[in-house]
Amino acid sequence: MSDKSEPTTVLGVAKKIRGFMEETRAKQGTTDKLTEANSDATVNHIAQVRSQVKELEDRLNTIERI
C-alpha cells in the first residue's frame, strides 16, 4: 500500500515544486522590471543634476565676466 501512495506523494511534491518554481520566476521577472525602472529613474535624475550643474556653472562664468 505504501508503494501506491509514494508515487502520488512524489507526484504531489513535484507539482508543488513546479508551482513554486513558476511563482519564483514570476516574482523574479517583477523584481527585474522594478530594478530596471529604478535604474532608469536614477539615470534620468543624474542627467537632470548634471544639467543643473552645467546651468549653474554657466551662470557663474557669466557673473565672473561681469
PDB file of N, CA and C in Angstrom:
ATOM      1  N   MET A   1       0.792  -1.186   0.000  1.00  0.00           N
ATOM      2  CA  MET A   1       0.000   0.000   0.000  1.00  0.00           C
ATOM      3  C   MET A   1       0.847   1.268   0.000  1.00  0.00           C
ATOM      4  N   SER A   2       1.929   1.251   0.754  1.00  0.00           N
ATOM      5  CA  SER A   2       2.796   2.421   0.764  1.00  0.00           C
ATOM      6  C   SER A   2       3.436   2.632  -0.609  1.00  0.00           C
ATOM      7  N   ASP A   3       3.580   1.548  -1.393  1.00  0.00           N
ATOM      8  CA  ASP A   3       4.128   1.684  -2.732  1.00  0.00           C
ATOM      9  C   ASP A   3       3.195   2.495  -3.625  1.00  0.00           C
ATOM     10  N   LYS A   4       1.879   2.307  -3.465  1.00  0.00           N
ATOM     11  CA  LYS A   4       0.916   3.042  -4.286  1.00  0.00           C
ATOM     12  C   LYS A   4       0.837   4.512  -3.871  1.00  0.00           C
ATOM     13  N   SER A   5       0.950   4.793  -2.589  1.00  0.00           N
ATOM     14  CA  SER A   5       0.823   6.175  -2.136  1.00  0.00           C
ATOM     15  C   SER A   5       2.107   6.971  -2.379  1.00  0.00           C
ATOM     16  N   GLU A   6       3.249   6.299  -2.437  1.00  0.00           N
ATOM     17  CA  GLU A   6       4.508   7.013  -2.621  1.00  0.00           C
ATOM     18  C   GLU A   6       4.574   7.752  -3.958  1.00  0.00           C
ATOM     19  N   PRO A   7       4.215   7.104  -5.097  1.00  0.00           N
ATOM     20  CA  PRO A   7       4.246   7.856  -6.351  1.00  0.00           C
ATOM     21  C   PRO A   7       3.304   9.058  -6.323  1.00  0.00           C
ATOM     22  N   THR A   8       2.136   8.900  -5.695  1.00  0.00           N
ATOM     23  CA  THR A   8       1.205  10.018  -5.590  1.00  0.00           C
ATOM     24  C   THR A   8       1.831  11.133  -4.768  1.00  0.00           C
ATOM     25  N   THR A   9       2.474  10.776  -3.681  1.00  0.00           N
ATOM     26  CA  THR A   9       3.135  11.765  -2.842  1.00  0.00           C
ATOM     27  C   THR A   9       4.265  12.439  -3.605  1.00  0.00           C
ATOM     28  N   VAL A  10       5.059  11.651  -4.303  1.00  0.00           N
ATOM     29  CA  VAL A  10       6.159  12.202  -5.087  1.00  0.00           C
ATOM     30  C   VAL A  10       5.611  13.112  -6.182  1.00  0.00           C
ATOM     31  N   LEU A  11       4.542  12.673  -6.835  1.00  0.00           N
ATOM     32  CA  LEU A  11       3.926  13.487  -7.878  1.00  0.00           C
ATOM     33  C   LEU A  11       3.386  14.787  -7.294  1.00  0.00           C
ATOM     34  N   GLY A  12       2.735  14.672  -6.139  1.00  0.00           N
ATOM     35  CA  GLY A  12       2.214  15.876  -5.485  1.00  0.00           C
ATOM     36  C   GLY A  12       3.321  16.846  -5.120  1.00  0.00           C
ATOM     37  N   VAL A  13       4.417  16.316  -4.599  1.00  0.00           N
ATOM     38  CA  VAL A  13       5.568  17.161  -4.247  1.00  0.00           C
ATOM     39  C   VAL A  13       6.160  17.786  -5.505  1.00  0.00           C
ATOM     40  N   ALA A  14       6.266  17.004  -6.568  1.00  0.00           N
ATOM     41  CA  ALA A  14       6.811  17.524  -7.824  1.00  0.00           C
ATOM     42  C   ALA A  14       5.948  18.664  -8.358  1.00  0.00           C
ATOM     43  N   LYS A  15       4.629  18.519  -8.266  1.00  0.00           N
ATOM     44  CA  LYS A  15       3.727  19.582  -8.719  1.00  0.00           C
ATOM     45  C   LYS A  15       3.893  20.834  -7.866  1.00  0.00           C
ATOM     46  N   LYS A  16       4.041  20.637  -6.547  1.00  0.00           N
ATOM     47  CA  LYS A  16       4.244  21.786  -5.661  1.00  0.00           C
ATOM     48  C   LYS A  16       5.561  22.488  -5.982  1.00  0.00           C
ATOM     49  N   ILE A  17       6.594  21.704  -6.247  1.00  0.00           N
ATOM     50  CA  ILE A  17       7.896  22.287  -6.595  1.00  0.00           C
ATOM     51  C   ILE A  17       7.792  23.056  -7.902  1.00  0.00           C
ATOM     52  N   ARG A  18       7.112  22.474  -8.885  1.00  0.00           N
ATOM     53  CA  ARG A  18       6.940  23.161 -10.173  1.00  0.00           C
ATOM     54  C   ARG A  18       6.181  24.480  -9.977  1.00  0.00           C
ATOM     55  N   GLY A  19       5.121  24.438  -9.186  1.00  0.00           N
ATOM     56  CA  GLY A  19       4.361  25.656  -8.905  1.00  0.00           C
ATOM     57  C   GLY A  19       5.215  26.701  -8.206  1.00  0.00           C
ATOM     58  N   PHE A  20       6.013  26.262  -7.250  1.00  0.00           N
ATOM     59  CA  PHE A  20       6.904  27.172  -6.539  1.00  0.00           C
ATOM     60  C   PHE A  20       7.925  27.790  -7.487  1.00  0.00           C
ATOM     61  N   MET A  21       8.480  26.971  -8.389  1.00  0.00           N
ATOM     62  CA  MET A  21       9.464  27.475  -9.349  1.00  0.00           C
ATOM     63  C   MET A  21       8.832  28.500 -10.288  1.00  0.00           C
ATOM     64  N   GLU A  22       7.616  28.236 -10.757  1.00  0.00           N
ATOM     65  CA  GLU A  22       6.932  29.180 -11.643  1.00  0.00           C
ATOM     66  C   GLU A  22       6.640  30.487 -10.916  1.00  0.00           C
ATOM     67  N   GLU A  23       6.212  30.377  -9.672  1.00  0.00           N
ATOM     68  CA  GLU A  23       5.943  31.574  -8.871  1.00  0.00           C
ATOM     69  C   GLU A  23       7.229  32.374  -8.652  1.00  0.00           C
ATOM     70  N   THR A  24       8.310  31.666  -8.384  1.00  0.00           N
ATOM     71  CA  THR A  24       9.601  32.327  -8.174  1.00  0.00           C
ATOM     72  C   THR A  24      10.052  33.041  -9.440  1.00  0.00           C
ATOM     73  N   ARG A  25       9.876  32.390 -10.601  1.00  0.00           N
ATOM     74  CA  ARG A  25      10.240  33.028 -11.872  1.00  0.00           C
ATOM     75  C   ARG A  25       9.417  34.290 -12.105  1.00  0.00           C
ATOM     76  N   ALA A  26       8.135  34.232 -11.807  1.00  0.00           N
ATOM     77  CA  ALA A  26       7.268  35.398 -11.986  1.00  0.00           C
ATOM     78  C   ALA A  26       7.705  36.540 -11.065  1.00  0.00           C
ATOM     79  N   LYS A  27       8.006  36.200  -9.823  1.00  0.00           N
ATOM     80  CA  LYS A  27       8.466  37.228  -8.881  1.00  0.00           C
ATOM     81  C   LYS A  27       9.796  37.817  -9.330  1.00  0.00           C
ATOM     82  N   GLN A  28      10.681  36.979  -9.847  1.00  0.00           N
ATOM     83  CA  GLN A  28      11.979  37.468 -10.318  1.00  0.00           C
ATOM     84  C   GLN A  28      11.784  38.404 -11.501  1.00  0.00           C
ATOM     85  N   GLY A  29      10.842  38.074 -12.388  1.00  0.00           N
ATOM     86  CA  GLY A  29      10.552  38.956 -13.516  1.00  0.00           C
ATOM     87  C   GLY A  29      10.072  40.313 -13.044  1.00  0.00           C
ATOM     88  N   THR A  30       9.208  40.321 -12.038  1.00  0.00           N
ATOM     89  CA  THR A  30       8.719  41.582 -11.474  1.00  0.00           C
ATOM     90  C   THR A  30       9.866  42.353 -10.843  1.00  0.00           C
ATOM     91  N   THR A  31      10.717  41.652 -10.109  1.00  0.00           N
ATOM     92  CA  THR A  31      11.875  42.292  -9.475  1.00  0.00           C
ATOM     93  C   THR A  31      12.794  42.891 -10.530  1.00  0.00           C
ATOM     94  N   ASP A  32      13.030  42.153 -11.615  1.00  0.00           N
ATOM     95  CA  ASP A  32      13.887  42.657 -12.688  1.00  0.00           C
ATOM     96  C   ASP A  32      13.300  43.924 -13.299  1.00  0.00           C
ATOM     97  N   LYS A  33      11.986  43.944 -13.511  1.00  0.00           N
ATOM     98  CA  LYS A  33      11.339  45.130 -14.084  1.00  0.00           C
ATOM     99  C   LYS A  33      11.447  46.319 -13.145  1.00  0.00           C
ATOM    100  N   LEU A  34      11.249  46.088 -11.847  1.00  0.00           N
ATOM    101  CA  LEU A  34      11.365  47.175 -10.872  1.00  0.00           C
ATOM    102  C   LEU A  34      12.798  47.690 -10.798  1.00  0.00           C
ATOM    103  N   THR A  35      13.758  46.787 -10.843  1.00  0.00           N
ATOM    104  CA  THR A  35      15.169  47.186 -10.816  1.00  0.00           C
ATOM    105  C   THR A  35      15.497  48.027 -12.035  1.00  0.00           C
ATOM    106  N   GLU A  36      15.012  47.607 -13.191  1.00  0.00           N
ATOM    107  CA  GLU A  36      15.254  48.358 -14.424  1.00  0.00           C
ATOM    108  C   GLU A  36      14.609  49.737 -14.348  1.00  0.00           C
ATOM    109  N   ALA A  37      13.396  49.810 -13.832  1.00  0.00           N
ATOM    110  CA  ALA A  37      12.707  51.096 -13.698  1.00  0.00           C
ATOM    111  C   ALA A  37      13.462  52.011 -12.741  1.00  0.00           C
ATOM    112  N   ASN A  38      13.921  51.460 -11.619  1.00  0.00           N
ATOM    113  CA  ASN A  38      14.696  52.265 -10.670  1.00  0.00           C
ATOM    114  C   ASN A  38      15.996  52.734 -11.294  1.00  0.00           C
ATOM    115  N   SER A  39      16.623  51.880 -12.076  1.00  0.00           N
ATOM    116  CA  SER A  39      17.864  52.238 -12.753  1.00  0.00           C
ATOM    117  C   SER A  39      17.618  53.365 -13.748  1.00  0.00           C
ATOM    118  N   ASP A  40      16.553  53.264 -14.524  1.00  0.00           N
ATOM    119  CA  ASP A  40      16.204  54.316 -15.481  1.00  0.00           C
ATOM    120  C   ASP A  40      15.931  55.629 -14.762  1.00  0.00           C
ATOM    121  N   ALA A  41      15.214  55.565 -13.648  1.00  0.00           N
ATOM    122  CA  ALA A  41      14.905  56.771 -12.879  1.00  0.00           C
ATOM    123  C   ALA A  41      16.184  57.401 -12.342  1.00  0.00           C
ATOM    124  N   THR A  42      17.117  56.577 -11.895  1.00  0.00           N
ATOM    125  CA  THR A  42      18.391  57.085 -11.381  1.00  0.00           C
ATOM    126  C   THR A  42      19.184  57.760 -12.490  1.00  0.00           C
ATOM    127  N   VAL A  43      19.239  57.136 -13.652  1.00  0.00           N
ATOM    128  CA  VAL A  43      19.950  57.723 -14.788  1.00  0.00           C
ATOM    129  C   VAL A  43      19.327  59.066 -15.158  1.00  0.00           C
ATOM    130  N   ASN A  44      18.002  59.134 -15.195  1.00  0.00           N
ATOM    131  CA  ASN A  44      17.325  60.392 -15.513  1.00  0.00           C
ATOM    132  C   ASN A  44      17.623  61.456 -14.468  1.00  0.00           C
ATOM    133  N   HIS A  45      17.632  61.072 -13.201  1.00  0.00           N
ATOM    134  CA  HIS A  45      17.916  62.022 -12.126  1.00  0.00           C
ATOM    135  C   HIS A  45      19.347  62.560 -12.252  1.00  0.00           C
ATOM    136  N   ILE A  46      20.290  61.679 -12.530  1.00  0.00           N
ATOM    137  CA  ILE A  46      21.683  62.108 -12.701  1.00  0.00           C
ATOM    138  C   ILE A  46      21.797  63.079 -13.870  1.00  0.00           C
ATOM    139  N   ALA A  47      21.103  62.801 -14.954  1.00  0.00           N
ATOM    140  CA  ALA A  47      21.128  63.696 -16.115  1.00  0.00           C
ATOM    141  C   ALA A  47      20.567  65.067 -15.749  1.00  0.00           C
ATOM    142  N   GLN A  48      19.497  65.098 -14.959  1.00  0.00           N
ATOM    143  CA  GLN A  48      18.922  66.373 -14.527  1.00  0.00           C
ATOM    144  C   GLN A  48      19.895  67.145 -13.649  1.00  0.00           C
ATOM    145  N   VAL A  49      20.538  66.453 -12.721  1.00  0.00           N
ATOM    146  CA  VAL A  49      21.501  67.112 -11.831  1.00  0.00           C
ATOM    147  C   VAL A  49      22.669  67.662 -12.640  1.00  0.00           C
ATOM    148  N   ARG A  50      23.173  66.889 -13.586  1.00  0.00           N
ATOM    149  CA  ARG A  50      24.275  67.372 -14.427  1.00  0.00           C
ATOM    150  C   ARG A  50      23.861  68.615 -15.206  1.00  0.00           C
ATOM    151  N   SER A  51      22.641  68.606 -15.713  1.00  0.00           N
ATOM    152  CA  SER A  51      22.132  69.759 -16.447  1.00  0.00           C
ATOM    153  C   SER A  51      22.059  70.985 -15.542  1.00  0.00           C
ATOM    154  N   GLN A  52      21.601  70.789 -14.316  1.00  0.00           N
ATOM    155  CA  GLN A  52      21.518  71.898 -13.368  1.00  0.00           C
ATOM    156  C   GLN A  52      22.906  72.421 -13.006  1.00  0.00           C
ATOM    157  N   VAL A  53      23.861  71.519 -12.821  1.00  0.00           N
ATOM    158  CA  VAL A  53      25.233  71.929 -12.515  1.00  0.00           C
ATOM    159  C   VAL A  53      25.800  72.733 -13.677  1.00  0.00           C
ATOM    160  N   LYS A  54      25.575  72.269 -14.894  1.00  0.00           N
ATOM    161  CA  LYS A  54      26.057  72.992 -16.086  1.00  0.00           C
ATOM    162  C   LYS A  54      25.454  74.388 -16.139  1.00  0.00           C
ATOM    163  N   GLU A  55      24.157  74.481 -15.877  1.00  0.00           N
ATOM    164  CA  GLU A  55      23.484  75.780 -15.887  1.00  0.00           C
ATOM    165  C   GLU A  55      24.083  76.704 -14.825  1.00  0.00           C
ATOM    166  N   LEU A  56      24.336  76.184 -13.636  1.00  0.00           N
ATOM    167  CA  LEU A  56      24.934  76.994 -12.573  1.00  0.00           C
ATOM    168  C   LEU A  56      26.364  77.414 -12.926  1.00  0.00           C
ATOM    169  N   GLU A  57      27.122  76.521 -13.549  1.00  0.00           N
ATOM    170  CA  GLU A  57      28.477  76.873 -13.988  1.00  0.00           C
ATOM    171  C   GLU A  57      28.434  77.980 -15.031  1.00  0.00           C
ATOM    172  N   ASP A  58      27.485  77.896 -15.961  1.00  0.00           N
ATOM    173  CA  ASP A  58      27.333  78.939 -16.977  1.00  0.00           C
ATOM    174  C   ASP A  58      26.996  80.277 -16.332  1.00  0.00           C
ATOM    175  N   ARG A  59      26.103  80.258 -15.361  1.00  0.00           N
ATOM    176  CA  ARG A  59      25.739  81.496 -14.660  1.00  0.00           C
ATOM    177  C   ARG A  59      26.938  82.072 -13.916  1.00  0.00           C
ATOM    178  N   LEU A  60      27.700  81.196 -13.252  1.00  0.00           N
ATOM    179  CA  LEU A  60      28.883  81.636 -12.521  1.00  0.00           C
ATOM    180  C   LEU A  60      29.900  82.254 -13.472  1.00  0.00           C
ATOM    181  N   ASN A  61      30.113  81.635 -14.619  1.00  0.00           N
ATOM    182  CA  ASN A  61      31.034  82.187 -15.620  1.00  0.00           C
ATOM    183  C   ASN A  61      30.561  83.554 -16.093  1.00  0.00           C
ATOM    184  N   THR A  62      29.265  83.711 -16.281  1.00  0.00           N
ATOM    185  CA  THR A  62      28.710  84.998 -16.698  1.00  0.00           C
ATOM    186  C   THR A  62      28.955  86.050 -15.622  1.00  0.00           C
ATOM    187  N   ILE A  63      28.713  85.694 -14.378  1.00  0.00           N
ATOM    188  CA  ILE A  63      28.922  86.628 -13.264  1.00  0.00           C
ATOM    189  C   ILE A  63      30.398  87.003 -13.164  1.00  0.00           C
ATOM    190  N   GLU A  64      31.293  86.031 -13.334  1.00  0.00           N
ATOM    191  CA  GLU A  64      32.729  86.311 -13.254  1.00  0.00           C
ATOM    192  C   GLU A  64      33.166  87.251 -14.368  1.00  0.00           C
ATOM    193  N   ARG A  65      32.551  87.160 -15.532  1.00  0.00           N
ATOM    194  CA  ARG A  65      32.899  88.043 -16.649  1.00  0.00           C
ATOM    195  C   ARG A  65      32.447  89.472 -16.397  1.00  0.00           C
ATOM    196  N   ILE A  66      31.377  89.615 -15.637  1.00  0.00           N
ATOM    197  CA  ILE A  66      30.832  90.957 -15.366  1.00  0.00           C
ATOM    198  C   ILE A  66      31.699  91.581 -14.332  1.00  0.00           C
TER     199      ILE A  66
END
